Amino acid sequence: MINGCSWIELQPLTSRKHQVVLQLATIWLEHKDSLAAIERRRE
């Protein structure tokens, strides 16, 4: 992790690269919601 960021290297098993992008977007949204919930608890 560098400056709060992580490097994720992916290699799709099929030619459907858009599915990888959608999965990452879903993971990011869930992670972002979790961080927001933690911040609300701290207040």
Protein backbone atom coordinates (compact mmCIF):
# COMPACT_ATOMS: atom_id res chain seq x y z
CA MET A 1 0.00 0.00 0.00
CA ILE A 2 1.37 3.40 -1.00
CA ASN A 3 -0.25 6.61 0.27
CA GLY A 4 -3.43 4.72 1.15
CA CYS A 5 -3.68 3.13 -2.29
CA SER A 6 -3.23 -0.47 -3.37
CA TRP A 7 -2.09 -1.83 -6.71
CA ILE A 8 -4.29 -4.58 -8.12
CA GLU A 9 -3.05 -6.49 -11.13
CA LEU A 10 -5.68 -8.47 -12.98
CA GLN A 11 -5.64 -10.85 -15.89
CA PRO A 12 -9.11 -11.76 -17.19
CA LEU A 13 -9.67 -15.42 -18.04
CA THR A 14 -12.00 -14.48 -20.89
CA SER A 15 -12.17 -11.61 -23.35
CA ARG A 16 -14.94 -10.00 -21.28
CA LYS A 17 -12.84 -7.25 -19.71
CA HIS A 18 -15.88 -5.13 -18.93
CA GLN A 19 -16.90 -7.69 -16.30
CA VAL A 20 -13.64 -7.09 -14.44
CA VAL A 21 -14.30 -3.36 -14.45
CA LEU A 22 -17.83 -3.88 -13.11
CA GLN A 23 -16.59 -6.18 -10.34
CA LEU A 24 -13.96 -3.64 -9.28
CA ALA A 25 -16.54 -0.86 -9.28
CA THR A 26 -18.81 -2.95 -7.06
CA ILE A 27 -15.97 -3.72 -4.65
CA TRP A 28 -14.99 -0.05 -4.52
CA LEU A 29 -18.53 1.07 -3.73
CA GLU A 30 -18.85 -1.49 -0.93
CA HIS A 31 -15.47 -0.47 0.49
CA LYS A 32 -16.34 3.21 0.27
CA ASP A 33 -19.63 2.59 2.14
CA SER A 34 -17.77 0.66 4.84
CA LEU A 35 -15.30 3.50 5.33
CA ALA A 36 -18.13 6.02 5.54
CA ALA A 37 -19.86 3.90 8.21
CA ILE A 38 -16.65 3.76 10.25
CA GLU A 39 -16.27 7.52 10.04
CA ARG A 40 -19.88 8.06 11.18
CA ARG A 41 -19.29 5.83 14.23
CA ARG A 42 -16.26 7.91 15.20
CA GLU A 43 -18.32 11.11 15.33
